[in-house]
Amino acid sequence: MESKDWIELIIPIVSNGILVYLLQSYFNRRLEKKQGKATQITAIVQEYQKYAESISRLMQNFAYSLEEAEQNTILTEIFAIATKELFPYFDRHSAILNDFKEINSATLECANKLRDALTTQNRQLAVKHLNEFNGYMQKISNECDQYILHNC
């Protein structure tokens, strides 16, 4: 074999190797970017779920507490987490949490009804709205689990 034959044999092999390497690195970058985005979305949904679960735990403590002063303290904590953490967190990340928009709106409306019932000291209506609010917290938690399982 002459040197011309060797050149004709080696150049396509090297060219194909370089082309495969470039394509592989391009697809790896795309995959890493996609996985990074999915990780960030999952972290945001998990944080939203964490707030809902902390409110749900407080609701359980409220159900087991017998003293009215302790119940008032727990209600204050529930509203503090809901108004200072859960709803503002949703507002900050509403583009990502768009799938939860409907349940968040219903939860906010229920929280306002609960606050109004507590302000007017209508205990029966407050208990009704408290149970409804607890249901929304559990629904948010369950929907977050489903979202994470199906989308990430």
C-alpha atoms as a PDB file:
ATOM      1  CA  MET A   1       0.000   0.000   0.000  1.00  0.00           C
ATOM      2  CA  GLU A   2       1.145   3.417  -0.842  1.00  0.00           C
ATOM      3  CA  SER A   3       0.946   6.464   1.412  1.00  0.00           C
ATOM      4  CA  LYS A   4      -1.987   7.754  -0.659  1.00  0.00           C
ATOM      5  CA  ASP A   5      -3.956   4.623   0.198  1.00  0.00           C
ATOM      6  CA  TRP A   6      -3.146   5.032   3.888  1.00  0.00           C
ATOM      7  CA  ILE A   7      -4.285   8.658   3.830  1.00  0.00           C
ATOM      8  CA  GLU A   8      -7.540   7.681   2.104  1.00  0.00           C
ATOM      9  CA  LEU A   9      -8.093   5.047   4.783  1.00  0.00           C
ATOM     10  CA  ILE A  10      -7.200   7.123   7.878  1.00  0.00           C
ATOM     11  CA  ILE A  11      -8.862  10.459   7.023  1.00  0.00           C
ATOM     12  CA  PRO A  12     -12.461   9.090   6.960  1.00  0.00           C
ATOM     13  CA  ILE A  13     -11.867   7.193  10.201  1.00  0.00           C
ATOM     14  CA  VAL A  14     -10.519  10.289  11.985  1.00  0.00           C
ATOM     15  CA  SER A  15     -13.243  12.504  10.494  1.00  0.00           C
ATOM     16  CA  ASN A  16     -15.979  10.126  11.617  1.00  0.00           C
ATOM     17  CA  GLY A  17     -14.423   9.938  15.085  1.00  0.00           C
ATOM     18  CA  ILE A  18     -14.400  13.720  15.397  1.00  0.00           C
ATOM     19  CA  LEU A  19     -17.981  13.950  14.130  1.00  0.00           C
ATOM     20  CA  VAL A  20     -19.193  11.287  16.596  1.00  0.00           C
ATOM     21  CA  TYR A  21     -17.370  13.065  19.449  1.00  0.00           C
ATOM     22  CA  LEU A  22     -18.985  16.427  18.589  1.00  0.00           C
ATOM     23  CA  LEU A  23     -22.470  14.915  18.338  1.00  0.00           C
ATOM     24  CA  GLN A  24     -22.006  13.039  21.598  1.00  0.00           C
ATOM     25  CA  SER A  25     -20.889  16.151  23.477  1.00  0.00           C
ATOM     26  CA  TYR A  26     -23.813  18.146  22.023  1.00  0.00           C
ATOM     27  CA  PHE A  27     -26.378  15.571  23.157  1.00  0.00           C
ATOM     28  CA  ASN A  28     -24.719  15.226  26.571  1.00  0.00           C
ATOM     29  CA  ARG A  29     -25.006  18.985  27.117  1.00  0.00           C
ATOM     30  CA  ARG A  30     -28.667  18.928  26.106  1.00  0.00           C
ATOM     31  CA  LEU A  31     -29.367  16.021  28.451  1.00  0.00           C
ATOM     32  CA  GLU A  32     -27.550  17.675  31.371  1.00  0.00           C
ATOM     33  CA  LYS A  33     -29.492  20.880  30.834  1.00  0.00           C
ATOM     34  CA  LYS A  34     -32.790  18.999  30.750  1.00  0.00           C
ATOM     35  CA  GLN A  35     -31.932  17.022  33.890  1.00  0.00           C
ATOM     36  CA  GLY A  36     -30.841  20.185  35.703  1.00  0.00           C
ATOM     37  CA  LYS A  37     -34.130  21.857  34.851  1.00  0.00           C
ATOM     38  CA  ALA A  38     -36.101  18.817  36.052  1.00  0.00           C
ATOM     39  CA  THR A  39     -34.128  18.823  39.310  1.00  0.00           C
ATOM     40  CA  GLN A  40     -34.922  22.502  39.915  1.00  0.00           C
ATOM     41  CA  ILE A  41     -38.627  21.988  39.199  1.00  0.00           C
ATOM     42  CA  THR A  42     -38.716  18.996  41.531  1.00  0.00           C
ATOM     43  CA  ALA A  43     -37.056  21.021  44.304  1.00  0.00           C
ATOM     44  CA  ILE A  44     -39.627  23.821  43.934  1.00  0.00           C
ATOM     45  CA  VAL A  45     -42.570  21.403  43.996  1.00  0.00           C
ATOM     46  CA  GLN A  46     -41.108  19.600  47.031  1.00  0.00           C
ATOM     47  CA  GLU A  47     -40.713  22.892  48.905  1.00  0.00           C
ATOM     48  CA  TYR A  48     -44.348  23.800  48.129  1.00  0.00           C
ATOM     49  CA  GLN A  49     -45.357  20.359  49.369  1.00  0.00           C
ATOM     50  CA  LYS A  50     -43.298  20.838  52.543  1.00  0.00           C
ATOM     51  CA  TYR A  51     -45.296  23.957  53.456  1.00  0.00           C
ATOM     52  CA  ALA A  52     -48.593  22.138  52.877  1.00  0.00           C
ATOM     53  CA  GLU A  53     -47.462  19.200  55.003  1.00  0.00           C
ATOM     54  CA  SER A  54     -46.324  21.446  57.860  1.00  0.00           C
ATOM     55  CA  ILE A  55     -49.773  23.066  57.888  1.00  0.00           C
ATOM     56  CA  SER A  56     -51.340  19.602  57.816  1.00  0.00           C
ATOM     57  CA  ARG A  57     -49.252  18.541  60.843  1.00  0.00           C
ATOM     58  CA  LEU A  58     -50.374  21.653  62.705  1.00  0.00           C
ATOM     59  CA  MET A  59     -53.972  20.752  61.859  1.00  0.00           C
ATOM     60  CA  GLN A  60     -53.460  17.339  63.462  1.00  0.00           C
ATOM     61  CA  ASN A  61     -52.017  19.010  66.570  1.00  0.00           C
ATOM     62  CA  PHE A  62     -55.050  21.299  66.631  1.00  0.00           C
ATOM     63  CA  ALA A  63     -57.400  18.310  66.509  1.00  0.00           C
ATOM     64  CA  TYR A  64     -55.659  16.695  69.499  1.00  0.00           C
ATOM     65  CA  SER A  65     -55.324  19.817  71.622  1.00  0.00           C
ATOM     66  CA  LEU A  66     -57.930  20.331  74.319  1.00  0.00           C
ATOM     67  CA  GLU A  67     -57.109  23.769  75.661  1.00  0.00           C
ATOM     68  CA  GLU A  68     -58.505  26.767  73.834  1.00  0.00           C
ATOM     69  CA  ALA A  69     -55.323  28.808  74.350  1.00  0.00           C
ATOM     70  CA  GLU A  70     -53.266  26.058  72.729  1.00  0.00           C
ATOM     71  CA  GLN A  71     -55.738  25.846  69.837  1.00  0.00           C
ATOM     72  CA  ASN A  72     -55.485  29.607  69.291  1.00  0.00           C
ATOM     73  CA  THR A  73     -51.685  29.354  69.233  1.00  0.00           C
ATOM     74  CA  ILE A  74     -51.846  26.558  66.670  1.00  0.00           C
ATOM     75  CA  LEU A  75     -54.313  28.528  64.514  1.00  0.00           C
ATOM     76  CA  THR A  76     -51.949  31.493  64.610  1.00  0.00           C
ATOM     77  CA  GLU A  77     -49.091  29.251  63.438  1.00  0.00           C
ATOM     78  CA  ILE A  78     -51.285  27.816  60.654  1.00  0.00           C
ATOM     79  CA  PHE A  79     -52.117  31.286  59.354  1.00  0.00           C
ATOM     80  CA  ALA A  80     -48.501  32.398  59.703  1.00  0.00           C
ATOM     81  CA  ILE A  81     -47.242  29.533  57.557  1.00  0.00           C
ATOM     82  CA  ALA A  82     -50.079  29.908  55.039  1.00  0.00           C
ATOM     83  CA  THR A  83     -49.830  33.687  54.623  1.00  0.00           C
ATOM     84  CA  LYS A  84     -46.082  34.139  55.021  1.00  0.00           C
ATOM     85  CA  GLU A  85     -44.780  30.986  53.350  1.00  0.00           C
ATOM     86  CA  LEU A  86     -47.245  28.876  51.321  1.00  0.00           C
ATOM     87  CA  PHE A  87     -49.099  31.537  49.328  1.00  0.00           C
ATOM     88  CA  PRO A  88     -46.103  33.850  48.753  1.00  0.00           C
ATOM     89  CA  TYR A  89     -44.017  30.844  47.669  1.00  0.00           C
ATOM     90  CA  PHE A  90     -46.695  29.961  45.128  1.00  0.00           C
ATOM     91  CA  ASP A  91     -46.754  33.547  43.873  1.00  0.00           C
ATOM     92  CA  ARG A  92     -42.948  33.612  43.467  1.00  0.00           C
ATOM     93  CA  HIS A  93     -42.929  30.332  41.540  1.00  0.00           C
ATOM     94  CA  SER A  94     -46.312  30.555  39.821  1.00  0.00           C
ATOM     95  CA  ALA A  95     -44.816  29.870  36.380  1.00  0.00           C
ATOM     96  CA  ILE A  96     -43.494  26.512  37.555  1.00  0.00           C
ATOM     97  CA  LEU A  97     -46.392  25.719  39.890  1.00  0.00           C
ATOM     98  CA  ASN A  98     -48.994  26.584  37.248  1.00  0.00           C
ATOM     99  CA  ASP A  99     -50.491  23.074  37.499  1.00  0.00           C
ATOM    100  CA  PHE A 100     -51.433  23.870  41.106  1.00  0.00           C
ATOM    101  CA  LYS A 101     -53.076  27.217  40.343  1.00  0.00           C
ATOM    102  CA  GLU A 102     -56.648  25.982  40.765  1.00  0.00           C
ATOM    103  CA  ILE A 103     -56.054  24.189  44.073  1.00  0.00           C
ATOM    104  CA  ASN A 104     -54.025  27.119  45.405  1.00  0.00           C
ATOM    105  CA  SER A 105     -56.841  29.565  44.590  1.00  0.00           C
ATOM    106  CA  ALA A 106     -59.386  27.334  46.315  1.00  0.00           C
ATOM    107  CA  THR A 107     -57.084  26.998  49.324  1.00  0.00           C
ATOM    108  CA  LEU A 108     -56.622  30.760  49.546  1.00  0.00           C
ATOM    109  CA  GLU A 109     -60.372  31.296  49.373  1.00  0.00           C
ATOM    110  CA  CYS A 110     -60.919  28.698  52.095  1.00  0.00           C
ATOM    111  CA  ALA A 111     -58.242  30.319  54.285  1.00  0.00           C
ATOM    112  CA  ASN A 112     -60.020  33.662  53.935  1.00  0.00           C
ATOM    113  CA  LYS A 113     -63.353  32.072  54.891  1.00  0.00           C
ATOM    114  CA  LEU A 114     -61.703  30.434  57.890  1.00  0.00           C
ATOM    115  CA  ARG A 115     -60.168  33.741  58.956  1.00  0.00           C
ATOM    116  CA  ASP A 116     -63.557  35.471  58.647  1.00  0.00           C
ATOM    117  CA  ALA A 117     -65.276  32.731  60.680  1.00  0.00           C
ATOM    118  CA  LEU A 118     -62.644  33.049  63.403  1.00  0.00           C
ATOM    119  CA  THR A 119     -62.943  36.844  63.383  1.00  0.00           C
ATOM    120  CA  THR A 120     -66.700  36.643  63.901  1.00  0.00           C
ATOM    121  CA  GLN A 121     -66.105  33.888  66.481  1.00  0.00           C
ATOM    122  CA  ASN A 122     -68.458  31.504  64.687  1.00  0.00           C
ATOM    123  CA  ARG A 123     -66.894  28.287  65.990  1.00  0.00           C
ATOM    124  CA  GLN A 124     -69.135  25.905  64.047  1.00  0.00           C
ATOM    125  CA  LEU A 125     -68.372  27.579  60.720  1.00  0.00           C
ATOM    126  CA  ALA A 126     -64.689  27.811  61.664  1.00  0.00           C
ATOM    127  CA  VAL A 127     -64.514  24.055  62.284  1.00  0.00           C
ATOM    128  CA  LYS A 128     -66.185  23.425  58.906  1.00  0.00           C
ATOM    129  CA  HIS A 129     -63.671  25.640  57.090  1.00  0.00           C
ATOM    130  CA  LEU A 130     -60.767  24.219  59.104  1.00  0.00           C
ATOM    131  CA  ASN A 131     -61.649  20.693  57.951  1.00  0.00           C
ATOM    132  CA  GLU A 132     -62.000  21.954  54.374  1.00  0.00           C
ATOM    133  CA  PHE A 133     -58.632  23.736  54.652  1.00  0.00           C
ATOM    134  CA  ASN A 134     -57.022  20.539  55.937  1.00  0.00           C
ATOM    135  CA  GLY A 135     -58.469  18.666  52.952  1.00  0.00           C
ATOM    136  CA  TYR A 136     -56.892  21.189  50.602  1.00  0.00           C
ATOM    137  CA  MET A 137     -53.513  20.792  52.309  1.00  0.00           C
ATOM    138  CA  GLN A 138     -53.674  17.035  51.863  1.00  0.00           C
ATOM    139  CA  LYS A 139     -54.790  17.457  48.260  1.00  0.00           C
ATOM    140  CA  ILE A 140     -51.847  19.784  47.558  1.00  0.00           C
ATOM    141  CA  SER A 141     -49.463  17.241  49.073  1.00  0.00           C
ATOM    142  CA  ASN A 142     -50.936  14.398  47.010  1.00  0.00           C
ATOM    143  CA  GLU A 143     -50.896  16.418  43.789  1.00  0.00           C
ATOM    144  CA  CYS A 144     -47.261  17.346  44.411  1.00  0.00           C
ATOM    145  CA  ASP A 145     -46.417  13.649  44.746  1.00  0.00           C
ATOM    146  CA  GLN A 146     -48.248  12.858  41.514  1.00  0.00           C
ATOM    147  CA  TYR A 147     -46.565  15.739  39.705  1.00  0.00           C
ATOM    148  CA  ILE A 148     -43.112  14.586  40.785  1.00  0.00           C
ATOM    149  CA  LEU A 149     -43.821  10.970  39.798  1.00  0.00           C
ATOM    150  CA  HIS A 150     -45.238  11.763  36.376  1.00  0.00           C
ATOM    151  CA  ASN A 151     -43.242  14.781  35.224  1.00  0.00           C
ATOM    152  CA  CYS A 152     -39.737  14.414  36.564  1.00  0.00           C
END
